Amino acid sequence: MSTANHFASSWDGLVKGVTIGLFALTALFTAVLIIISDNPVLRVVIIIVFSCLLFIPYLGAPRGYTVHDRLINVKRLIGDARIPIVGEAERWKWT
């Protein structure tokens, strides 16, 4: 009987900084497009499109990992990704 190992997935400073920067840039771009748009339907479409641009990648971000037997299971909100381990781990040889 084998056991499963669970690992958390956390963001480092670079990922947090890039995420905050891209979120701010997308929000600013959306605000500018909304301000210069005269059509209310176009404003709603702009809000929906840019909201999806921010929300969809969030769904695919890894939340954690589980290693069990010959399988790595990546936990995500949109469904787990399963990665089979097919070969033995190899150690790199530095020459």
PDB file of N, CA and C in Angstrom:
ATOM      1  N   MET A   1       0.850  -1.184   0.000  1.00  0.00           N
ATOM      2  CA  MET A   1       0.000   0.000   0.000  1.00  0.00           C
ATOM      3  C   MET A   1       0.887   1.234   0.000  1.00  0.00           C
ATOM      4  N   SER A   2       0.660   2.135  -0.924  1.00  0.00           N
ATOM      5  CA  SER A   2       1.480   3.331  -1.029  1.00  0.00           C
ATOM      6  C   SER A   2       0.740   4.530  -0.447  1.00  0.00           C
ATOM      7  N   THR A   3       1.502   5.535  -0.082  1.00  0.00           N
ATOM      8  CA  THR A   3       0.914   6.740   0.486  1.00  0.00           C
ATOM      9  C   THR A   3       1.040   7.888  -0.506  1.00  0.00           C
ATOM     10  N   ALA A   4       0.181   8.846  -0.347  1.00  0.00           N
ATOM     11  CA  ALA A   4       0.212  10.027  -1.212  1.00  0.00           C
ATOM     12  C   ALA A   4       0.904  11.167  -0.472  1.00  0.00           C
ATOM     13  N   ASN A   5       1.727  11.905  -1.178  1.00  0.00           N
ATOM     14  CA  ASN A   5       2.394  13.080  -0.630  1.00  0.00           C
ATOM     15  C   ASN A   5       1.710  14.322  -1.171  1.00  0.00           C
ATOM     16  N   HIS A   6       1.327  15.225  -0.281  1.00  0.00           N
ATOM     17  CA  HIS A   6       0.638  16.457  -0.669  1.00  0.00           C
ATOM     18  C   HIS A   6       1.598  17.632  -0.526  1.00  0.00           C
ATOM     19  N   PHE A   7       1.590  18.515  -1.508  1.00  0.00           N
ATOM     20  CA  PHE A   7       2.441  19.699  -1.500  1.00  0.00           C
ATOM     21  C   PHE A   7       1.595  20.923  -1.801  1.00  0.00           C
ATOM     22  N   ALA A   8       1.856  22.002  -1.088  1.00  0.00           N
ATOM     23  CA  ALA A   8       1.151  23.261  -1.338  1.00  0.00           C
ATOM     24  C   ALA A   8       1.810  23.990  -2.499  1.00  0.00           C
ATOM     25  N   SER A   9       1.050  24.842  -3.129  1.00  0.00           N
ATOM     26  CA  SER A   9       1.575  25.659  -4.222  1.00  0.00           C
ATOM     27  C   SER A   9       1.447  27.117  -3.812  1.00  0.00           C
ATOM     28  N   SER A  10       2.578  27.771  -3.643  1.00  0.00           N
ATOM     29  CA  SER A  10       2.540  29.177  -3.249  1.00  0.00           C
ATOM     30  C   SER A  10       3.257  30.026  -4.297  1.00  0.00           C
ATOM     31  N   TRP A  11       2.896  31.289  -4.348  1.00  0.00           N
ATOM     32  CA  TRP A  11       3.481  32.220  -5.310  1.00  0.00           C
ATOM     33  C   TRP A  11       4.684  32.907  -4.668  1.00  0.00           C
ATOM     34  N   ASP A  12       5.753  33.051  -5.437  1.00  0.00           N
ATOM     35  CA  ASP A  12       6.904  33.805  -4.945  1.00  0.00           C
ATOM     36  C   ASP A  12       6.704  35.290  -5.256  1.00  0.00           C
ATOM     37  N   GLY A  13       7.652  36.110  -4.855  1.00  0.00           N
ATOM     38  CA  GLY A  13       7.531  37.557  -5.027  1.00  0.00           C
ATOM     39  C   GLY A  13       7.425  37.992  -6.478  1.00  0.00           C
ATOM     40  N   LEU A  14       8.178  37.334  -7.375  1.00  0.00           N
ATOM     41  CA  LEU A  14       8.136  37.704  -8.791  1.00  0.00           C
ATOM     42  C   LEU A  14       6.760  37.439  -9.393  1.00  0.00           C
ATOM     43  N   VAL A  15       6.187  36.286  -9.102  1.00  0.00           N
ATOM     44  CA  VAL A  15       4.859  35.952  -9.642  1.00  0.00           C
ATOM     45  C   VAL A  15       3.810  36.911  -9.092  1.00  0.00           C
ATOM     46  N   LYS A  16       3.904  37.224  -7.808  1.00  0.00           N
ATOM     47  CA  LYS A  16       2.955  38.180  -7.221  1.00  0.00           C
ATOM     48  C   LYS A  16       3.094  39.555  -7.877  1.00  0.00           C
ATOM     49  N   GLY A  17       4.331  40.010  -8.085  1.00  0.00           N
ATOM     50  CA  GLY A  17       4.560  41.314  -8.694  1.00  0.00           C
ATOM     51  C   GLY A  17       4.060  41.387 -10.123  1.00  0.00           C
ATOM     52  N   VAL A  18       4.354  40.360 -10.916  1.00  0.00           N
ATOM     53  CA  VAL A  18       3.899  40.331 -12.309  1.00  0.00           C
ATOM     54  C   VAL A  18       2.377  40.263 -12.368  1.00  0.00           C
ATOM     55  N   THR A  19       1.771  39.476 -11.488  1.00  0.00           N
ATOM     56  CA  THR A  19       0.308  39.357 -11.464  1.00  0.00           C
ATOM     57  C   THR A  19      -0.341  40.693 -11.115  1.00  0.00           C
ATOM     58  N   ILE A  20       0.167  41.356 -10.112  1.00  0.00           N
ATOM     59  CA  ILE A  20      -0.395  42.654  -9.717  1.00  0.00           C
ATOM     60  C   ILE A  20      -0.188  43.688 -10.830  1.00  0.00           C
ATOM     61  N   GLY A  21       0.994  43.676 -11.449  1.00  0.00           N
ATOM     62  CA  GLY A  21       1.271  44.609 -12.538  1.00  0.00           C
ATOM     63  C   GLY A  21       0.366  44.405 -13.736  1.00  0.00           C
ATOM     64  N   LEU A  22       0.192  43.153 -14.152  1.00  0.00           N
ATOM     65  CA  LEU A  22      -0.682  42.872 -15.299  1.00  0.00           C
ATOM     66  C   LEU A  22      -2.144  43.151 -14.974  1.00  0.00           C
ATOM     67  N   PHE A  23      -2.548  42.885 -13.741  1.00  0.00           N
ATOM     68  CA  PHE A  23      -3.913  43.190 -13.334  1.00  0.00           C
ATOM     69  C   PHE A  23      -4.149  44.695 -13.402  1.00  0.00           C
ATOM     70  N   ALA A  24      -3.197  45.487 -12.882  1.00  0.00           N
ATOM     71  CA  ALA A  24      -3.338  46.948 -12.905  1.00  0.00           C
ATOM     72  C   ALA A  24      -3.332  47.480 -14.336  1.00  0.00           C
ATOM     73  N   LEU A  25      -2.449  46.946 -15.167  1.00  0.00           N
ATOM     74  CA  LEU A  25      -2.374  47.385 -16.561  1.00  0.00           C
ATOM     75  C   LEU A  25      -3.667  47.053 -17.318  1.00  0.00           C
ATOM     76  N   THR A  26      -4.201  45.868 -17.094  1.00  0.00           N
ATOM     77  CA  THR A  26      -5.456  45.478 -17.746  1.00  0.00           C
ATOM     78  C   THR A  26      -6.615  46.334 -17.241  1.00  0.00           C
ATOM     79  N   ALA A  27      -6.653  46.610 -15.950  1.00  0.00           N
ATOM     80  CA  ALA A  27      -7.712  47.458 -15.392  1.00  0.00           C
ATOM     81  C   ALA A  27      -7.625  48.879 -15.945  1.00  0.00           C
ATOM     82  N   LEU A  28      -6.415  49.408 -16.061  1.00  0.00           N
ATOM     83  CA  LEU A  28      -6.226  50.746 -16.618  1.00  0.00           C
ATOM     84  C   LEU A  28      -6.656  50.798 -18.084  1.00  0.00           C
ATOM     85  N   PHE A  29      -6.250  49.801 -18.856  1.00  0.00           N
ATOM     86  CA  PHE A  29      -6.621  49.732 -20.272  1.00  0.00           C
ATOM     87  C   PHE A  29      -8.141  49.623 -20.420  1.00  0.00           C
ATOM     88  N   THR A  30      -8.766  48.822 -19.573  1.00  0.00           N
ATOM     89  CA  THR A  30     -10.230  48.685 -19.608  1.00  0.00           C
ATOM     90  C   THR A  30     -10.895  50.012 -19.272  1.00  0.00           C
ATOM     91  N   ALA A  31     -10.399  50.706 -18.251  1.00  0.00           N
ATOM     92  CA  ALA A  31     -10.984  51.987 -17.859  1.00  0.00           C
ATOM     93  C   ALA A  31     -10.874  53.017 -18.983  1.00  0.00           C
ATOM     94  N   VAL A  32      -9.724  53.057 -19.642  1.00  0.00           N
ATOM     95  CA  VAL A  32      -9.542  54.002 -20.751  1.00  0.00           C
ATOM     96  C   VAL A  32     -10.510  53.688 -21.886  1.00  0.00           C
ATOM     97  N   LEU A  33     -10.640  52.420 -22.236  1.00  0.00           N
ATOM     98  CA  LEU A  33     -11.572  52.046 -23.311  1.00  0.00           C
ATOM     99  C   LEU A  33     -13.015  52.369 -22.954  1.00  0.00           C
ATOM    100  N   ILE A  34     -13.377  52.201 -21.696  1.00  0.00           N
ATOM    101  CA  ILE A  34     -14.738  52.511 -21.266  1.00  0.00           C
ATOM    102  C   ILE A  34     -14.986  54.019 -21.321  1.00  0.00           C
ATOM    103  N   ILE A  35     -13.981  54.797 -20.933  1.00  0.00           N
ATOM    104  CA  ILE A  35     -14.134  56.259 -20.929  1.00  0.00           C
ATOM    105  C   ILE A  35     -14.282  56.805 -22.352  1.00  0.00           C
ATOM    106  N   ILE A  36     -13.515  56.276 -23.301  1.00  0.00           N
ATOM    107  CA  ILE A  36     -13.578  56.824 -24.658  1.00  0.00           C
ATOM    108  C   ILE A  36     -14.725  56.237 -25.476  1.00  0.00           C
ATOM    109  N   SER A  37     -15.380  55.215 -24.972  1.00  0.00           N
ATOM    110  CA  SER A  37     -16.488  54.592 -25.696  1.00  0.00           C
ATOM    111  C   SER A  37     -17.784  55.343 -25.413  1.00  0.00           C
ATOM    112  N   ASP A  38     -18.546  55.601 -26.485  1.00  0.00           N
ATOM    113  CA  ASP A  38     -19.833  56.275 -26.333  1.00  0.00           C
ATOM    114  C   ASP A  38     -21.003  55.292 -26.287  1.00  0.00           C
ATOM    115  N   ASN A  39     -20.790  54.094 -26.773  1.00  0.00           N
ATOM    116  CA  ASN A  39     -21.844  53.101 -26.871  1.00  0.00           C
ATOM    117  C   ASN A  39     -21.921  52.281 -25.585  1.00  0.00           C
ATOM    118  N   PRO A  40     -23.089  52.252 -24.901  1.00  0.00           N
ATOM    119  CA  PRO A  40     -23.200  51.485 -23.648  1.00  0.00           C
ATOM    120  C   PRO A  40     -23.062  49.971 -23.857  1.00  0.00           C
ATOM    121  N   VAL A  41     -23.492  49.473 -25.001  1.00  0.00           N
ATOM    122  CA  VAL A  41     -23.349  48.036 -25.276  1.00  0.00           C
ATOM    123  C   VAL A  41     -21.870  47.679 -25.415  1.00  0.00           C
ATOM    124  N   LEU A  42     -21.123  48.537 -26.097  1.00  0.00           N
ATOM    125  CA  LEU A  42     -19.686  48.315 -26.247  1.00  0.00           C
ATOM    126  C   LEU A  42     -18.981  48.355 -24.896  1.00  0.00           C
ATOM    127  N   ARG A  43     -19.432  49.224 -24.009  1.00  0.00           N
ATOM    128  CA  ARG A  43     -18.843  49.283 -22.668  1.00  0.00           C
ATOM    129  C   ARG A  43     -19.037  47.968 -21.920  1.00  0.00           C
ATOM    130  N   VAL A  44     -20.225  47.409 -22.014  1.00  0.00           N
ATOM    131  CA  VAL A  44     -20.504  46.132 -21.348  1.00  0.00           C
ATOM    132  C   VAL A  44     -19.648  45.021 -21.956  1.00  0.00           C
ATOM    133  N   VAL A  45     -19.525  45.000 -23.271  1.00  0.00           N
ATOM    134  CA  VAL A  45     -18.701  43.986 -23.937  1.00  0.00           C
ATOM    135  C   VAL A  45     -17.242  44.120 -23.512  1.00  0.00           C
ATOM    136  N   ILE A  46     -16.750  45.343 -23.416  1.00  0.00           N
ATOM    137  CA  ILE A  46     -15.369  45.573 -22.983  1.00  0.00           C
ATOM    138  C   ILE A  46     -15.161  45.054 -21.562  1.00  0.00           C
ATOM    139  N   ILE A  47     -16.096  45.336 -20.683  1.00  0.00           N
ATOM    140  CA  ILE A  47     -15.992  44.869 -19.294  1.00  0.00           C
ATOM    141  C   ILE A  47     -15.998  43.348 -19.238  1.00  0.00           C
ATOM    142  N   ILE A  48     -16.871  42.705 -19.998  1.00  0.00           N
ATOM    143  CA  ILE A  48     -16.955  41.241 -19.995  1.00  0.00           C
ATOM    144  C   ILE A  48     -15.671  40.626 -20.546  1.00  0.00           C
ATOM    145  N   VAL A  49     -15.166  41.137 -21.662  1.00  0.00           N
ATOM    146  CA  VAL A  49     -13.961  40.573 -22.285  1.00  0.00           C
ATOM    147  C   VAL A  49     -12.752  40.697 -21.356  1.00  0.00           C
ATOM    148  N   PHE A  50     -12.535  41.869 -20.796  1.00  0.00           N
ATOM    149  CA  PHE A  50     -11.366  42.049 -19.944  1.00  0.00           C
ATOM    150  C   PHE A  50     -11.520  41.363 -18.592  1.00  0.00           C
ATOM    151  N   SER A  51     -12.741  41.190 -18.118  1.00  0.00           N
ATOM    152  CA  SER A  51     -12.952  40.406 -16.902  1.00  0.00           C
ATOM    153  C   SER A  51     -12.587  38.946 -17.141  1.00  0.00           C
ATOM    154  N   CYS A  52     -12.963  38.434 -18.310  1.00  0.00           N
ATOM    155  CA  CYS A  52     -12.598  37.055 -18.658  1.00  0.00           C
ATOM    156  C   CYS A  52     -11.089  36.901 -18.807  1.00  0.00           C
ATOM    157  N   LEU A  53     -10.417  37.926 -19.350  1.00  0.00           N
ATOM    158  CA  LEU A  53      -8.958  37.882 -19.481  1.00  0.00           C
ATOM    159  C   LEU A  53      -8.277  37.769 -18.119  1.00  0.00           C
ATOM    160  N   LEU A  54      -8.890  38.331 -17.091  1.00  0.00           N
ATOM    161  CA  LEU A  54      -8.318  38.250 -15.754  1.00  0.00           C
ATOM    162  C   LEU A  54      -8.762  37.001 -15.006  1.00  0.00           C
ATOM    163  N   PHE A  55      -9.967  36.526 -15.253  1.00  0.00           N
ATOM    164  CA  PHE A  55     -10.533  35.435 -14.466  1.00  0.00           C
ATOM    165  C   PHE A  55     -10.150  34.045 -14.972  1.00  0.00           C
ATOM    166  N   ILE A  56     -10.081  33.849 -16.268  1.00  0.00           N
ATOM    167  CA  ILE A  56      -9.817  32.522 -16.831  1.00  0.00           C
ATOM    168  C   ILE A  56      -8.441  31.979 -16.426  1.00  0.00           C
ATOM    169  N   PRO A  57      -7.353  32.766 -16.477  1.00  0.00           N
ATOM    170  CA  PRO A  57      -6.070  32.222 -16.005  1.00  0.00           C
ATOM    171  C   PRO A  57      -6.086  31.854 -14.518  1.00  0.00           C
ATOM    172  N   TYR A  58      -6.881  32.559 -13.722  1.00  0.00           N
ATOM    173  CA  TYR A  58      -7.003  32.245 -12.302  1.00  0.00           C
ATOM    174  C   TYR A  58      -7.550  30.830 -12.106  1.00  0.00           C
ATOM    175  N   LEU A  59      -8.468  30.421 -12.972  1.00  0.00           N
ATOM    176  CA  LEU A  59      -9.049  29.079 -12.859  1.00  0.00           C
ATOM    177  C   LEU A  59      -8.022  27.977 -13.105  1.00  0.00           C
ATOM    178  N   GLY A  60      -7.045  28.241 -13.961  1.00  0.00           N
ATOM    179  CA  GLY A  60      -6.059  27.227 -14.302  1.00  0.00           C
ATOM    180  C   GLY A  60      -4.817  27.239 -13.433  1.00  0.00           C
ATOM    181  N   ALA A  61      -4.714  28.177 -12.511  1.00  0.00           N
ATOM    182  CA  ALA A  61      -3.531  28.258 -11.653  1.00  0.00           C
ATOM    183  C   ALA A  61      -3.493  27.078 -10.687  1.00  0.00           C
ATOM    184  N   PRO A  62      -2.322  26.470 -10.501  1.00  0.00           N
ATOM    185  CA  PRO A  62      -2.222  25.333  -9.584  1.00  0.00           C
ATOM    186  C   PRO A  62      -2.451  25.752  -8.131  1.00  0.00           C
ATOM    187  N   ARG A  63      -3.192  24.954  -7.403  1.00  0.00           N
ATOM    188  CA  ARG A  63      -3.467  25.184  -5.979  1.00  0.00           C
ATOM    189  C   ARG A  63      -2.623  24.273  -5.095  1.00  0.00           C
ATOM    190  N   GLY A  64      -2.168  23.170  -5.642  1.00  0.00           N
ATOM    191  CA  GLY A  64      -1.366  22.220  -4.884  1.00  0.00           C
ATOM    192  C   GLY A  64      -1.070  21.004  -5.738  1.00  0.00           C
ATOM    193  N   TYR A  65      -0.256  20.114  -5.202  1.00  0.00           N
ATOM    194  CA  TYR A  65       0.170  18.921  -5.933  1.00  0.00           C
ATOM    195  C   TYR A  65       0.048  17.706  -5.025  1.00  0.00           C
ATOM    196  N   THR A  66      -0.277  16.588  -5.631  1.00  0.00           N
ATOM    197  CA  THR A  66      -0.288  15.315  -4.929  1.00  0.00           C
ATOM    198  C   THR A  66       0.515  14.322  -5.747  1.00  0.00           C
ATOM    199  N   VAL A  67       1.452  13.648  -5.093  1.00  0.00           N
ATOM    200  CA  VAL A  67       2.240  12.607  -5.755  1.00  0.00           C
ATOM    201  C   VAL A  67       1.816  11.281  -5.145  1.00  0.00           C
ATOM    202  N   HIS A  68       1.316  10.391  -5.992  1.00  0.00           N
ATOM    203  CA  HIS A  68       0.809   9.105  -5.538  1.00  0.00           C
ATOM    204  C   HIS A  68       1.208   8.038  -6.555  1.00  0.00           C
ATOM    205  N   ASP A  69       1.906   7.028  -6.103  1.00  0.00           N
ATOM    206  CA  ASP A  69       2.409   5.963  -6.964  1.00  0.00           C
ATOM    207  C   ASP A  69       3.183   6.552  -8.143  1.00  0.00           C
ATOM    208  N   ARG A  70       2.699   6.364  -9.348  1.00  0.00           N
ATOM    209  CA  ARG A  70       3.375   6.832 -10.567  1.00  0.00           C
ATOM    210  C   ARG A  70       2.598   7.973 -11.208  1.00  0.00           C
ATOM    211  N   LEU A  71       2.001   8.851 -10.377  1.00  0.00           N
ATOM    212  CA  LEU A  71       1.148   9.910 -10.899  1.00  0.00           C
ATOM    213  C   LEU A  71       1.327  11.199 -10.087  1.00  0.00           C
ATOM    214  N   ILE A  72       1.453  12.314 -10.802  1.00  0.00           N
ATOM    215  CA  ILE A  72       1.445  13.634 -10.179  1.00  0.00           C
ATOM    216  C   ILE A  72       0.097  14.267 -10.511  1.00  0.00           C
ATOM    217  N   ASN A  73      -0.634  14.668  -9.490  1.00  0.00           N
ATOM    218  CA  ASN A  73      -1.949  15.265  -9.663  1.00  0.00           C
ATOM    219  C   ASN A  73      -1.853  16.747  -9.297  1.00  0.00           C
ATOM    220  N   VAL A  74      -2.076  17.624 -10.280  1.00  0.00           N
ATOM    221  CA  VAL A  74      -2.016  19.065 -10.061  1.00  0.00           C
ATOM    222  C   VAL A  74      -3.434  19.549  -9.777  1.00  0.00           C
ATOM    223  N   LYS A  75      -3.642  20.102  -8.596  1.00  0.00           N
ATOM    224  CA  LYS A  75      -4.971  20.580  -8.182  1.00  0.00           C
ATOM    225  C   LYS A  75      -5.222  21.961  -8.781  1.00  0.00           C
ATOM    226  N   ARG A  76      -6.345  22.104  -9.516  1.00  0.00           N
ATOM    227  CA  ARG A  76      -6.757  23.377 -10.109  1.00  0.00           C
ATOM    228  C   ARG A  76      -8.254  23.537  -9.939  1.00  0.00           C
ATOM    229  N   LEU A  77      -8.747  24.759 -10.045  1.00  0.00           N
ATOM    230  CA  LEU A  77     -10.183  24.998  -9.908  1.00  0.00           C
ATOM    231  C   LEU A  77     -10.977  24.432 -11.083  1.00  0.00           C
ATOM    232  N   ILE A  78     -10.406  24.423 -12.290  1.00  0.00           N
ATOM    233  CA  ILE A  78     -11.142  23.940 -13.461  1.00  0.00           C
ATOM    234  C   ILE A  78     -10.988  22.437 -13.666  1.00  0.00           C
ATOM    235  N   GLY A  79     -10.361  21.768 -12.745  1.00  0.00           N
ATOM    236  CA  GLY A  79     -10.174  20.326 -12.861  1.00  0.00           C
ATOM    237  C   GLY A  79      -8.709  19.971 -12.685  1.00  0.00           C
ATOM    238  N   ASP A  80      -8.489  18.829 -12.140  1.00  0.00           N
ATOM    239  CA  ASP A  80      -7.124  18.395 -11.871  1.00  0.00           C
ATOM    240  C   ASP A  80      -6.428  17.942 -13.151  1.00  0.00           C
ATOM    241  N   ALA A  81      -5.135  18.224 -13.217  1.00  0.00           N
ATOM    242  CA  ALA A  81      -4.309  17.741 -14.328  1.00  0.00           C
ATOM    243  C   ALA A  81      -3.486  16.568 -13.795  1.00  0.00           C
ATOM    244  N   ARG A  82      -3.518  15.464 -14.500  1.00  0.00           N
ATOM    245  CA  ARG A  82      -2.790  14.271 -14.079  1.00  0.00           C
ATOM    246  C   ARG A  82      -1.597  14.053 -14.997  1.00  0.00           C
ATOM    247  N   ILE A  83      -0.427  13.924 -14.390  1.00  0.00           N
ATOM    248  CA  ILE A  83       0.806  13.736 -15.146  1.00  0.00           C
ATOM    249  C   ILE A  83       1.407  12.398 -14.736  1.00  0.00           C
ATOM    250  N   PRO A  84       1.440  11.421 -15.634  1.00  0.00           N
ATOM    251  CA  PRO A  84       2.031  10.126 -15.274  1.00  0.00           C
ATOM    252  C   PRO A  84       3.559  10.198 -15.254  1.00  0.00           C
ATOM    253  N   ILE A  85       4.136   9.467 -14.334  1.00  0.00           N
ATOM    254  CA  ILE A  85       5.587   9.347 -14.263  1.00  0.00           C
ATOM    255  C   ILE A  85       5.937   8.039 -14.967  1.00  0.00           C
ATOM    256  N   VAL A  86       6.578   8.139 -16.134  1.00  0.00           N
ATOM    257  CA  VAL A  86       6.804   6.948 -16.946  1.00  0.00           C
ATOM    258  C   VAL A  86       8.170   6.310 -16.737  1.00  0.00           C
ATOM    259  N   GLY A  87       9.154   7.085 -16.358  1.00  0.00           N
ATOM    260  CA  GLY A  87      10.497   6.526 -16.222  1.00  0.00           C
ATOM    261  C   GLY A  87      11.068   6.782 -14.847  1.00  0.00           C
ATOM    262  N   GLU A  88      12.212   6.194 -14.603  1.00  0.00           N
ATOM    263  CA  GLU A  88      12.892   6.418 -13.344  1.00  0.00           C
ATOM    264  C   GLU A  88      13.533   7.801 -13.351  1.00  0.00           C
ATOM    265  N   ALA A  89      13.642   8.389 -12.201  1.00  0.00           N
ATOM    266  CA  ALA A  89      14.293   9.685 -12.082  1.00  0.00           C
ATOM    267  C   ALA A  89      15.782   9.537 -12.395  1.00  0.00           C
ATOM    268  N   GLU A  90      16.283  10.441 -13.205  1.00  0.00           N
ATOM    269  CA  GLU A  90      17.685  10.403 -13.571  1.00  0.00           C
ATOM    270  C   GLU A  90      18.418  11.565 -12.942  1.00  0.00           C
ATOM    271  N   ARG A  91      19.603  11.315 -12.526  1.00  0.00           N
ATOM    272  CA  ARG A  91      20.434  12.370 -11.963  1.00  0.00           C
ATOM    273  C   ARG A  91      21.325  12.910 -13.064  1.00  0.00           C
ATOM    274  N   TRP A  92      21.396  14.218 -13.151  1.00  0.00           N
ATOM    275  CA  TRP A  92      22.242  14.823 -14.171  1.00  0.00           C
ATOM    276  C   TRP A  92      23.698  14.606 -13.809  1.00  0.00           C
ATOM    277  N   LYS A  93      24.483  14.329 -14.816  1.00  0.00           N
ATOM    278  CA  LYS A  93      25.914  14.175 -14.597  1.00  0.00           C
ATOM    279  C   LYS A  93      26.626  15.390 -15.159  1.00  0.00           C
ATOM    280  N   TRP A  94      27.290  16.099 -14.299  1.00  0.00           N
ATOM    281  CA  TRP A  94      28.025  17.284 -14.712  1.00  0.00           C
ATOM    282  C   TRP A  94      29.435  16.875 -15.094  1.00  0.00           C
ATOM    283  N   THR A  95      29.855  17.298 -16.249  1.00  0.00           N
ATOM    284  CA  THR A  95      31.208  16.954 -16.701  1.00  0.00           C
ATOM    285  C   THR A  95      32.080  18.172 -16.783  1.00  0.00           C
TER     286      THR A  95
END
